[in-house]
């Protein structure tokens, strides 16, 4: 899709994901016009300075006026109020999509608000960093990453292909999935690991001051990775856990059972059980690498940043 015949895209929310989408769409020339809105006046001003949108408006209704595709890059709890607010100004035939980490709630809450001939194609790019705000965005964020779309079977096919095409144009691999299945899968691959990271780092924060300072001073790579995850946007993750609570609680229950089994093995010195379990987890790690979701290099690839004079 070239810029000369691409759609007018509206980005509602101009933080990490919204700004990265703007940079990516411009880099790949997939749109004729990008308009945007952010709740914060400071974010709107910074977005204008960075130039990843063609125009930034002070209201979401003005930003979506005439847009062919509207991206909701906002916390889950803000999506239904946003849809209700802009719907009178959404043009006939427009497509609404989102980037939220929970999909069934998006379908349940936004579908009843759609006016006739406006289509909803929920989406979730499996990409991000612990940073937030318009300065955190970059065009390559989605390259080689999965974007999962969860439209119901009766969704307009042209709308689905429009959204899928936009993600492919900026380098994403697109997968289609049932919304409830998506929420269950992400509960174990993303939501539960974040919950564990928040808890472990929170435990460290509650330690006595001298112990806490030593934990920070001598933090090993495992703890450092937990702190990176735990630095993610607190509002976004609050909404994720509340909106996907059934799947998260189901996976948390299974995790607790497995954790108790490990606790029992340590207490009773069951070396065979521990070694068998740890061997299985190494196999999962290799499967993740084989699937192209990580690299098999020391320090998780952190030392691979190009030298300043690299071409």
C-alpha atoms as a PDB file:
ATOM      1  CA  UNK A   1       0.000   0.000   0.000  1.00  0.00           C
ATOM      2  CA  UNK A   2       1.561   3.302  -1.009  1.00  0.00           C
ATOM      3  CA  UNK A   3       1.127   6.704   0.528  1.00  0.00           C
ATOM      4  CA  UNK A   4      -0.646   8.022  -2.602  1.00  0.00           C
ATOM      5  CA  UNK A   5      -3.650   5.748  -2.121  1.00  0.00           C
ATOM      6  CA  UNK A   6      -3.333   4.746   1.508  1.00  0.00           C
ATOM      7  CA  UNK A   7      -5.964   5.438   4.149  1.00  0.00           C
ATOM      8  CA  UNK A   8      -6.328   8.397   6.464  1.00  0.00           C
ATOM      9  CA  UNK A   9      -5.296   7.010   9.859  1.00  0.00           C
ATOM     10  CA  UNK A  10      -6.249   8.494  13.219  1.00  0.00           C
ATOM     11  CA  UNK A  11      -4.123   7.659  16.255  1.00  0.00           C
ATOM     12  CA  UNK A  12      -5.927   8.147  19.563  1.00  0.00           C
ATOM     13  CA  UNK A  13      -3.224   7.950  22.200  1.00  0.00           C
ATOM     14  CA  UNK A  14       0.292   9.110  21.321  1.00  0.00           C
ATOM     15  CA  UNK A  15       2.493   7.258  23.793  1.00  0.00           C
ATOM     16  CA  UNK A  16       4.923   4.434  23.038  1.00  0.00           C
ATOM     17  CA  UNK A  17       2.594   2.464  20.754  1.00  0.00           C
ATOM     18  CA  UNK A  18       0.848   5.428  19.147  1.00  0.00           C
ATOM     19  CA  UNK A  19       4.074   7.261  18.380  1.00  0.00           C
ATOM     20  CA  UNK A  20       5.711   4.066  17.090  1.00  0.00           C
ATOM     21  CA  UNK A  21       2.749   3.498  14.772  1.00  0.00           C
ATOM     22  CA  UNK A  22       3.058   7.045  13.468  1.00  0.00           C
ATOM     23  CA  UNK A  23       6.798   6.675  12.843  1.00  0.00           C
ATOM     24  CA  UNK A  24       6.287   3.264  11.208  1.00  0.00           C
ATOM     25  CA  UNK A  25       3.450   4.389   8.928  1.00  0.00           C
ATOM     26  CA  UNK A  26       5.473   7.386   7.771  1.00  0.00           C
ATOM     27  CA  UNK A  27       8.651   5.372   7.278  1.00  0.00           C
ATOM     28  CA  UNK A  28       6.843   2.821   5.121  1.00  0.00           C
ATOM     29  CA  UNK A  29       4.653   5.288   3.234  1.00  0.00           C
ATOM     30  CA  UNK A  30       1.402   3.454   3.894  1.00  0.00           C
ATOM     31  CA  UNK A  31      -0.946   6.385   4.510  1.00  0.00           C
ATOM     32  CA  UNK A  32      -2.016   9.679   2.977  1.00  0.00           C
ATOM     33  CA  UNK A  33      -2.627  11.409   6.303  1.00  0.00           C
ATOM     34  CA  UNK A  34      -2.122  10.730  10.011  1.00  0.00           C
ATOM     35  CA  UNK A  35      -4.086  12.678  12.590  1.00  0.00           C
ATOM     36  CA  UNK A  36      -3.759  12.271  16.323  1.00  0.00           C
ATOM     37  CA  UNK A  37      -5.077  13.063  19.772  1.00  0.00           C
ATOM     38  CA  UNK A  38      -3.691  12.665  23.279  1.00  0.00           C
ATOM     39  CA  UNK A  39      -5.376  13.574  26.538  1.00  0.00           C
ATOM     40  CA  UNK A  40      -2.380  15.498  27.874  1.00  0.00           C
ATOM     41  CA  UNK A  41      -1.649  18.936  26.363  1.00  0.00           C
ATOM     42  CA  UNK A  42       2.053  18.266  26.952  1.00  0.00           C
ATOM     43  CA  UNK A  43       1.881  15.030  24.951  1.00  0.00           C
ATOM     44  CA  UNK A  44       0.028  16.780  22.130  1.00  0.00           C
ATOM     45  CA  UNK A  45       2.645  19.523  22.021  1.00  0.00           C
ATOM     46  CA  UNK A  46       5.507  17.022  21.994  1.00  0.00           C
ATOM     47  CA  UNK A  47       3.854  14.962  19.242  1.00  0.00           C
ATOM     48  CA  UNK A  48       3.663  18.074  17.085  1.00  0.00           C
ATOM     49  CA  UNK A  49       7.368  18.681  17.659  1.00  0.00           C
ATOM     50  CA  UNK A  50       8.346  15.077  16.833  1.00  0.00           C
ATOM     51  CA  UNK A  51       6.324  15.088  13.606  1.00  0.00           C
ATOM     52  CA  UNK A  52       5.104  11.480  13.536  1.00  0.00           C
ATOM     53  CA  UNK A  53       1.581  12.778  12.845  1.00  0.00           C
ATOM     54  CA  UNK A  54       0.490  15.332  10.262  1.00  0.00           C
ATOM     55  CA  UNK A  55      -1.922  17.072  12.615  1.00  0.00           C
ATOM     56  CA  UNK A  56      -2.660  16.855  16.344  1.00  0.00           C
ATOM     57  CA  UNK A  57      -6.080  17.882  17.606  1.00  0.00           C
ATOM     58  CA  UNK A  58      -7.343  18.936  21.000  1.00  0.00           C
ATOM     59  CA  UNK A  59     -10.341  16.579  20.906  1.00  0.00           C
ATOM     60  CA  UNK A  60     -10.616  12.954  19.755  1.00  0.00           C
ATOM     61  CA  UNK A  61     -13.694  13.796  17.670  1.00  0.00           C
ATOM     62  CA  UNK A  62     -11.700  16.260  15.582  1.00  0.00           C
ATOM     63  CA  UNK A  63      -8.871  13.735  15.187  1.00  0.00           C
ATOM     64  CA  UNK A  64     -11.150  11.006  13.780  1.00  0.00           C
ATOM     65  CA  UNK A  65     -13.074  13.301  11.435  1.00  0.00           C
ATOM     66  CA  UNK A  66     -12.769  11.758   7.958  1.00  0.00           C
ATOM     67  CA  UNK A  67     -10.453   8.941   9.118  1.00  0.00           C
ATOM     68  CA  UNK A  68     -10.622   5.577   7.372  1.00  0.00           C
ATOM     69  CA  UNK A  69      -8.880   3.627  10.173  1.00  0.00           C
ATOM     70  CA  UNK A  70      -8.892   4.633  13.842  1.00  0.00           C
ATOM     71  CA  UNK A  71      -6.370   3.148  16.273  1.00  0.00           C
ATOM     72  CA  UNK A  72      -7.235   3.133  19.981  1.00  0.00           C
ATOM     73  CA  UNK A  73      -3.840   3.316  21.746  1.00  0.00           C
ATOM     74  CA  UNK A  74      -5.276   3.919  25.201  1.00  0.00           C
ATOM     75  CA  UNK A  75      -5.733   1.912  28.431  1.00  0.00           C
ATOM     76  CA  UNK A  76      -8.479  -0.694  28.304  1.00  0.00           C
ATOM     77  CA  UNK A  77     -10.666   1.206  30.761  1.00  0.00           C
ATOM     78  CA  UNK A  78     -10.653   4.234  28.450  1.00  0.00           C
ATOM     79  CA  UNK A  79     -11.734   2.428  25.267  1.00  0.00           C
ATOM     80  CA  UNK A  80     -15.509   2.259  25.741  1.00  0.00           C
ATOM     81  CA  UNK A  81     -15.817   5.911  26.877  1.00  0.00           C
ATOM     82  CA  UNK A  82     -13.651   6.900  23.914  1.00  0.00           C
ATOM     83  CA  UNK A  83     -15.791   4.929  21.459  1.00  0.00           C
ATOM     84  CA  UNK A  84     -18.957   6.487  22.879  1.00  0.00           C
ATOM     85  CA  UNK A  85     -17.440   9.961  22.588  1.00  0.00           C
ATOM     86  CA  UNK A  86     -16.235   9.771  18.992  1.00  0.00           C
ATOM     87  CA  UNK A  87     -18.937   7.579  17.410  1.00  0.00           C
ATOM     88  CA  UNK A  88     -21.108  10.468  16.141  1.00  0.00           C
ATOM     89  CA  UNK A  89     -18.076  11.782  14.221  1.00  0.00           C
ATOM     90  CA  UNK A  90     -16.837   8.464  12.791  1.00  0.00           C
ATOM     91  CA  UNK A  91     -17.553   8.300   9.083  1.00  0.00           C
ATOM     92  CA  UNK A  92     -19.513   5.500   7.437  1.00  0.00           C
ATOM     93  CA  UNK A  93     -17.293   2.588   6.441  1.00  0.00           C
ATOM     94  CA  UNK A  94     -14.533   3.447   8.904  1.00  0.00           C
ATOM     95  CA  UNK A  95     -12.650   0.754  10.799  1.00  0.00           C
ATOM     96  CA  UNK A  96     -11.837   0.935  14.504  1.00  0.00           C
ATOM     97  CA  UNK A  97      -8.988  -1.168  15.844  1.00  0.00           C
ATOM     98  CA  UNK A  98      -6.977  -1.193  19.048  1.00  0.00           C
ATOM     99  CA  UNK A  99      -3.690  -2.359  20.566  1.00  0.00           C
ATOM    100  CA  UNK A 100      -4.910  -3.611  23.935  1.00  0.00           C
ATOM    101  CA  UNK A 101      -3.528  -6.727  25.628  1.00  0.00           C
ATOM    102  CA  UNK A 102      -6.983  -8.153  26.406  1.00  0.00           C
ATOM    103  CA  UNK A 103      -9.380  -8.761  23.547  1.00  0.00           C
ATOM    104  CA  UNK A 104     -12.707 -10.190  24.739  1.00  0.00           C
ATOM    105  CA  UNK A 105     -13.493  -7.085  26.793  1.00  0.00           C
ATOM    106  CA  UNK A 106     -12.841  -4.882  23.755  1.00  0.00           C
ATOM    107  CA  UNK A 107     -15.385  -6.858  21.737  1.00  0.00           C
ATOM    108  CA  UNK A 108     -17.918  -6.929  24.567  1.00  0.00           C
ATOM    109  CA  UNK A 109     -17.696  -3.232  25.406  1.00  0.00           C
ATOM    110  CA  UNK A 110     -17.220  -1.538  22.025  1.00  0.00           C
ATOM    111  CA  UNK A 111     -19.384  -3.650  19.704  1.00  0.00           C
ATOM    112  CA  UNK A 112     -22.681  -2.386  21.199  1.00  0.00           C
ATOM    113  CA  UNK A 113     -21.517   1.205  20.662  1.00  0.00           C
ATOM    114  CA  UNK A 114     -20.787   0.865  16.926  1.00  0.00           C
ATOM    115  CA  UNK A 115     -23.088   2.682  14.581  1.00  0.00           C
ATOM    116  CA  UNK A 116     -24.182   1.081  11.326  1.00  0.00           C
ATOM    117  CA  UNK A 117     -21.404   0.483   8.789  1.00  0.00           C
ATOM    118  CA  UNK A 118     -18.580   1.112  11.261  1.00  0.00           C
ATOM    119  CA  UNK A 119     -16.409  -1.949  11.771  1.00  0.00           C
ATOM    120  CA  UNK A 120     -14.342  -3.218  14.717  1.00  0.00           C
ATOM    121  CA  UNK A 121     -11.182  -5.305  14.240  1.00  0.00           C
ATOM    122  CA  UNK A 122      -9.516  -5.824  17.654  1.00  0.00           C
ATOM    123  CA  UNK A 123      -5.748  -6.198  17.561  1.00  0.00           C
ATOM    124  CA  UNK A 124      -2.785  -6.773  19.828  1.00  0.00           C
ATOM    125  CA  UNK A 125       0.808  -6.165  18.694  1.00  0.00           C
ATOM    126  CA  UNK A 126       3.149  -8.364  20.739  1.00  0.00           C
ATOM    127  CA  UNK A 127       5.700  -5.591  20.997  1.00  0.00           C
ATOM    128  CA  UNK A 128       6.679  -2.919  23.453  1.00  0.00           C
ATOM    129  CA  UNK A 129       9.234  -1.681  25.931  1.00  0.00           C
ATOM    130  CA  UNK A 130       9.111  -0.577  29.549  1.00  0.00           C
ATOM    131  CA  UNK A 131       9.257   3.053  28.389  1.00  0.00           C
ATOM    132  CA  UNK A 132       6.265   5.290  27.734  1.00  0.00           C
ATOM    133  CA  UNK A 133       5.412   8.640  26.197  1.00  0.00           C
ATOM    134  CA  UNK A 134       5.787  10.035  22.675  1.00  0.00           C
ATOM    135  CA  UNK A 135       9.586  10.190  22.874  1.00  0.00           C
ATOM    136  CA  UNK A 136       9.737   6.415  23.461  1.00  0.00           C
ATOM    137  CA  UNK A 137       8.362   5.525  20.036  1.00  0.00           C
ATOM    138  CA  UNK A 138      10.405   4.248  17.103  1.00  0.00           C
ATOM    139  CA  UNK A 139       9.503   2.976  13.653  1.00  0.00           C
ATOM    140  CA  UNK A 140      11.061  -0.476  14.017  1.00  0.00           C
ATOM    141  CA  UNK A 141       9.135  -1.524  17.141  1.00  0.00           C
ATOM    142  CA  UNK A 142       6.795  -3.864  15.253  1.00  0.00           C
ATOM    143  CA  UNK A 143       9.201  -5.329  12.707  1.00  0.00           C
ATOM    144  CA  UNK A 144       9.351  -9.114  12.910  1.00  0.00           C
ATOM    145  CA  UNK A 145       6.838  -9.148  15.776  1.00  0.00           C
ATOM    146  CA  UNK A 146       3.465 -10.827  15.937  1.00  0.00           C
ATOM    147  CA  UNK A 147       0.269  -8.843  15.766  1.00  0.00           C
ATOM    148  CA  UNK A 148      -2.753 -10.901  16.767  1.00  0.00           C
ATOM    149  CA  UNK A 149      -6.134  -9.887  15.339  1.00  0.00           C
ATOM    150  CA  UNK A 150      -9.310 -11.223  16.936  1.00  0.00           C
ATOM    151  CA  UNK A 151     -12.270 -10.221  14.753  1.00  0.00           C
ATOM    152  CA  UNK A 152     -15.448 -12.333  15.100  1.00  0.00           C
ATOM    153  CA  UNK A 153     -16.342 -14.513  12.137  1.00  0.00           C
ATOM    154  CA  UNK A 154     -18.991 -12.114  10.859  1.00  0.00           C
ATOM    155  CA  UNK A 155     -16.681  -9.090  10.665  1.00  0.00           C
ATOM    156  CA  UNK A 156     -16.522  -7.264   7.323  1.00  0.00           C
ATOM    157  CA  UNK A 157     -13.704  -8.931   5.352  1.00  0.00           C
ATOM    158  CA  UNK A 158     -12.501  -5.709   3.751  1.00  0.00           C
ATOM    159  CA  UNK A 159     -12.146  -4.147   7.215  1.00  0.00           C
ATOM    160  CA  UNK A 160     -10.173  -7.149   8.449  1.00  0.00           C
ATOM    161  CA  UNK A 161      -7.846  -7.097   5.445  1.00  0.00           C
ATOM    162  CA  UNK A 162      -7.354  -3.350   5.776  1.00  0.00           C
ATOM    163  CA  UNK A 163      -6.127  -3.672   9.356  1.00  0.00           C
ATOM    164  CA  UNK A 164      -4.071  -6.790   8.626  1.00  0.00           C
ATOM    165  CA  UNK A 165      -2.480  -5.057   5.639  1.00  0.00           C
ATOM    166  CA  UNK A 166      -1.450  -2.051   7.693  1.00  0.00           C
ATOM    167  CA  UNK A 167       0.308  -4.269  10.232  1.00  0.00           C
ATOM    168  CA  UNK A 168       2.052  -6.231   7.495  1.00  0.00           C
ATOM    169  CA  UNK A 169       3.137  -2.993   5.811  1.00  0.00           C
ATOM    170  CA  UNK A 170       5.085  -1.981   8.941  1.00  0.00           C
ATOM    171  CA  UNK A 171       6.764  -5.367   9.284  1.00  0.00           C
ATOM    172  CA  UNK A 172       4.505  -7.354  11.615  1.00  0.00           C
ATOM    173  CA  UNK A 173       3.566 -10.999  11.213  1.00  0.00           C
ATOM    174  CA  UNK A 174      -0.228 -11.190  11.468  1.00  0.00           C
ATOM    175  CA  UNK A 175      -2.049 -14.039  13.194  1.00  0.00           C
ATOM    176  CA  UNK A 176      -5.799 -14.501  13.665  1.00  0.00           C
ATOM    177  CA  UNK A 177      -7.142 -15.911  16.906  1.00  0.00           C
ATOM    178  CA  UNK A 178     -10.354 -16.269  18.882  1.00  0.00           C
ATOM    179  CA  UNK A 179     -10.534 -13.469  21.457  1.00  0.00           C
ATOM    180  CA  UNK A 180     -11.018 -15.725  24.491  1.00  0.00           C
ATOM    181  CA  UNK A 181      -8.185 -18.003  23.397  1.00  0.00           C
ATOM    182  CA  UNK A 182      -5.952 -14.959  22.949  1.00  0.00           C
ATOM    183  CA  UNK A 183      -6.701 -13.834  26.491  1.00  0.00           C
ATOM    184  CA  UNK A 184      -5.856 -17.268  27.899  1.00  0.00           C
ATOM    185  CA  UNK A 185      -2.585 -17.527  25.943  1.00  0.00           C
ATOM    186  CA  UNK A 186      -1.485 -14.021  26.911  1.00  0.00           C
ATOM    187  CA  UNK A 187      -2.347 -14.698  30.541  1.00  0.00           C
ATOM    188  CA  UNK A 188       0.540 -17.178  30.720  1.00  0.00           C
ATOM    189  CA  UNK A 189       2.976 -15.617  28.226  1.00  0.00           C
ATOM    190  CA  UNK A 190       2.645 -11.983  29.292  1.00  0.00           C
ATOM    191  CA  UNK A 191       0.228 -11.157  32.084  1.00  0.00           C
ATOM    192  CA  UNK A 192       1.380 -13.702  34.684  1.00  0.00           C
ATOM    193  CA  UNK A 193       5.103 -12.923  34.150  1.00  0.00           C
ATOM    194  CA  UNK A 194       4.349  -9.247  34.689  1.00  0.00           C
ATOM    195  CA  UNK A 195       2.357 -10.020  37.828  1.00  0.00           C
ATOM    196  CA  UNK A 196       5.263 -12.068  39.185  1.00  0.00           C
ATOM    197  CA  UNK A 197       7.710  -9.273  38.351  1.00  0.00           C
ATOM    198  CA  UNK A 198       5.547  -6.668  40.087  1.00  0.00           C
ATOM    199  CA  UNK A 199       5.345  -8.926  43.133  1.00  0.00           C
ATOM    200  CA  UNK A 200       9.072  -9.754  43.345  1.00  0.00           C
ATOM    201  CA  UNK A 201      10.156  -6.148  42.924  1.00  0.00           C
ATOM    202  CA  UNK A 202       7.431  -5.090  45.348  1.00  0.00           C
ATOM    203  CA  UNK A 203       8.778  -7.565  47.896  1.00  0.00           C
ATOM    204  CA  UNK A 204      12.235  -6.057  47.513  1.00  0.00           C
ATOM    205  CA  UNK A 205      10.764  -2.612  48.089  1.00  0.00           C
ATOM    206  CA  UNK A 206       9.323  -3.767  51.432  1.00  0.00           C
ATOM    207  CA  UNK A 207      12.623  -5.101  52.790  1.00  0.00           C
ATOM    208  CA  UNK A 208      14.492  -3.313  55.530  1.00  0.00           C
ATOM    209  CA  UNK A 209      16.542  -0.453  54.127  1.00  0.00           C
ATOM    210  CA  UNK A 210      19.970  -2.067  54.548  1.00  0.00           C
ATOM    211  CA  UNK A 211      18.858  -5.317  52.915  1.00  0.00           C
ATOM    212  CA  UNK A 212      17.069  -3.444  50.141  1.00  0.00           C
ATOM    213  CA  UNK A 213      20.174  -1.415  49.318  1.00  0.00           C
ATOM    214  CA  UNK A 214      22.235  -4.605  49.035  1.00  0.00           C
ATOM    215  CA  UNK A 215      19.566  -6.190  46.786  1.00  0.00           C
ATOM    216  CA  UNK A 216      19.812  -3.210  44.459  1.00  0.00           C
ATOM    217  CA  UNK A 217      23.608  -2.977  44.639  1.00  0.00           C
ATOM    218  CA  UNK A 218      24.229  -6.662  43.947  1.00  0.00           C
ATOM    219  CA  UNK A 219      21.229  -7.376  41.720  1.00  0.00           C
ATOM    220  CA  UNK A 220      21.895 -10.256  39.347  1.00  0.00           C
ATOM    221  CA  UNK A 221      20.581 -10.424  35.797  1.00  0.00           C
ATOM    222  CA  UNK A 222      17.391 -12.240  36.823  1.00  0.00           C
ATOM    223  CA  UNK A 223      16.352  -9.528  39.270  1.00  0.00           C
ATOM    224  CA  UNK A 224      17.361  -6.781  36.827  1.00  0.00           C
ATOM    225  CA  UNK A 225      15.076  -8.298  34.197  1.00  0.00           C
ATOM    226  CA  UNK A 226      12.229  -8.328  36.719  1.00  0.00           C
ATOM    227  CA  UNK A 227      12.798  -4.637  37.479  1.00  0.00           C
ATOM    228  CA  UNK A 228      12.651  -3.821  33.774  1.00  0.00           C
ATOM    229  CA  UNK A 229       9.314  -5.609  33.421  1.00  0.00           C
ATOM    230  CA  UNK A 230       7.996  -4.073  36.634  1.00  0.00           C
ATOM    231  CA  UNK A 231       8.780  -0.592  35.296  1.00  0.00           C
ATOM    232  CA  UNK A 232       5.965  -0.922  32.739  1.00  0.00           C
ATOM    233  CA  UNK A 233       3.028   1.478  32.711  1.00  0.00           C
ATOM    234  CA  UNK A 234       1.025   0.934  35.938  1.00  0.00           C
ATOM    235  CA  UNK A 235      -2.322   2.156  34.558  1.00  0.00           C
ATOM    236  CA  UNK A 236      -2.123  -0.134  31.537  1.00  0.00           C
ATOM    237  CA  UNK A 237      -1.289  -3.157  33.686  1.00  0.00           C
ATOM    238  CA  UNK A 238      -3.944  -2.345  36.267  1.00  0.00           C
ATOM    239  CA  UNK A 239      -6.531  -2.502  33.482  1.00  0.00           C
ATOM    240  CA  UNK A 240      -5.080  -5.690  31.989  1.00  0.00           C
ATOM    241  CA  UNK A 241      -5.345  -7.618  35.250  1.00  0.00           C
ATOM    242  CA  UNK A 242      -8.857  -6.383  35.961  1.00  0.00           C
ATOM    243  CA  UNK A 243     -10.145  -7.033  32.435  1.00  0.00           C
ATOM    244  CA  UNK A 244      -8.505 -10.454  32.057  1.00  0.00           C
ATOM    245  CA  UNK A 245      -8.947 -11.553  35.646  1.00  0.00           C
ATOM    246  CA  UNK A 246     -10.548 -14.952  34.913  1.00  0.00           C
ATOM    247  CA  UNK A 247      -7.715 -16.145  32.669  1.00  0.00           C
ATOM    248  CA  UNK A 248      -5.043 -14.611  34.905  1.00  0.00           C
ATOM    249  CA  UNK A 249      -6.514 -16.214  38.038  1.00  0.00           C
ATOM    250  CA  UNK A 250      -6.725 -19.582  36.272  1.00  0.00           C
ATOM    251  CA  UNK A 251      -3.064 -19.436  35.272  1.00  0.00           C
ATOM    252  CA  UNK A 252      -2.079 -18.037  38.670  1.00  0.00           C
ATOM    253  CA  UNK A 253      -3.751 -21.032  40.317  1.00  0.00           C
ATOM    254  CA  UNK A 254      -1.772 -23.456  38.174  1.00  0.00           C
ATOM    255  CA  UNK A 255       1.405 -21.488  38.853  1.00  0.00           C
ATOM    256  CA  UNK A 256       0.823 -21.647  42.605  1.00  0.00           C
ATOM    257  CA  UNK A 257       0.319 -25.417  42.439  1.00  0.00           C
ATOM    258  CA  UNK A 258       3.584 -25.847  40.539  1.00  0.00           C
ATOM    259  CA  UNK A 259       5.355 -23.494  42.938  1.00  0.00           C
ATOM    260  CA  UNK A 260       4.174 -25.537  45.919  1.00  0.00           C
ATOM    261  CA  UNK A 261       5.511 -28.683  44.219  1.00  0.00           C
ATOM    262  CA  UNK A 262       8.914 -27.023  43.823  1.00  0.00           C
ATOM    263  CA  UNK A 263       8.804 -25.873  47.437  1.00  0.00           C
ATOM    264  CA  UNK A 264       8.090 -29.429  48.545  1.00  0.00           C
ATOM    265  CA  UNK A 265      10.943 -30.793  46.404  1.00  0.00           C
ATOM    266  CA  UNK A 266      13.413 -28.321  47.914  1.00  0.00           C
ATOM    267  CA  UNK A 267      12.236 -29.064  51.450  1.00  0.00           C
ATOM    268  CA  UNK A 268      12.592 -32.831  50.971  1.00  0.00           C
ATOM    269  CA  UNK A 269      15.760 -32.691  48.900  1.00  0.00           C
ATOM    270  CA  UNK A 270      14.124 -34.215  45.815  1.00  0.00           C
ATOM    271  CA  UNK A 271      16.987 -33.593  43.400  1.00  0.00           C
ATOM    272  CA  UNK A 272      15.458 -35.697  40.606  1.00  0.00           C
ATOM    273  CA  UNK A 273      12.239 -33.659  40.569  1.00  0.00           C
ATOM    274  CA  UNK A 274      14.146 -30.378  40.499  1.00  0.00           C
ATOM    275  CA  UNK A 275      16.475 -31.487  37.707  1.00  0.00           C
ATOM    276  CA  UNK A 276      13.603 -32.870  35.614  1.00  0.00           C
ATOM    277  CA  UNK A 277      11.613 -29.649  35.992  1.00  0.00           C
ATOM    278  CA  UNK A 278      14.569 -27.431  35.164  1.00  0.00           C
ATOM    279  CA  UNK A 279      15.412 -29.564  32.109  1.00  0.00           C
ATOM    280  CA  UNK A 280      11.877 -29.116  30.809  1.00  0.00           C
ATOM    281  CA  UNK A 281      12.089 -25.362  31.197  1.00  0.00           C
ATOM    282  CA  UNK A 282      15.352 -25.307  29.216  1.00  0.00           C
ATOM    283  CA  UNK A 283      13.484 -27.036  26.396  1.00  0.00           C
ATOM    284  CA  UNK A 284      10.831 -24.309  26.450  1.00  0.00           C
ATOM    285  CA  UNK A 285      13.567 -21.683  26.250  1.00  0.00           C
ATOM    286  CA  UNK A 286      15.036 -23.386  23.171  1.00  0.00           C
ATOM    287  CA  UNK A 287      11.566 -23.552  21.610  1.00  0.00           C
ATOM    288  CA  UNK A 288      11.180 -19.785  22.072  1.00  0.00           C
ATOM    289  CA  UNK A 289      14.514 -19.223  20.300  1.00  0.00           C
ATOM    290  CA  UNK A 290      13.603 -21.651  17.510  1.00  0.00           C
ATOM    291  CA  UNK A 291      10.325 -19.770  17.002  1.00  0.00           C
ATOM    292  CA  UNK A 292      12.275 -16.551  16.415  1.00  0.00           C
ATOM    293  CA  UNK A 293      11.001 -14.832  19.565  1.00  0.00           C
ATOM    294  CA  UNK A 294      14.471 -14.310  21.068  1.00  0.00           C
ATOM    295  CA  UNK A 295      18.132 -14.748  20.235  1.00  0.00           C
ATOM    296  CA  UNK A 296      20.562 -17.340  21.569  1.00  0.00           C
ATOM    297  CA  UNK A 297      23.348 -14.946  22.547  1.00  0.00           C
ATOM    298  CA  UNK A 298      24.888 -13.982  25.879  1.00  0.00           C
ATOM    299  CA  UNK A 299      23.191 -11.350  28.032  1.00  0.00           C
ATOM    300  CA  UNK A 300      19.949 -11.629  26.005  1.00  0.00           C
ATOM    301  CA  UNK A 301      21.467  -9.680  23.117  1.00  0.00           C
ATOM    302  CA  UNK A 302      22.066  -6.532  25.133  1.00  0.00           C
ATOM    303  CA  UNK A 303      25.677  -6.401  23.958  1.00  0.00           C
ATOM    304  CA  UNK A 304      24.735  -6.400  20.265  1.00  0.00           C
ATOM    305  CA  UNK A 305      24.030  -2.677  19.968  1.00  0.00           C
ATOM    306  CA  UNK A 306      25.916  -1.284  16.934  1.00  0.00           C
ATOM    307  CA  UNK A 307      29.068   0.709  17.430  1.00  0.00           C
ATOM    308  CA  UNK A 308      28.691   4.464  16.774  1.00  0.00           C
ATOM    309  CA  UNK A 309      30.553   4.203  13.479  1.00  0.00           C
ATOM    310  CA  UNK A 310      28.813   1.020  12.318  1.00  0.00           C
ATOM    311  CA  UNK A 311      27.144   1.116   8.904  1.00  0.00           C
END
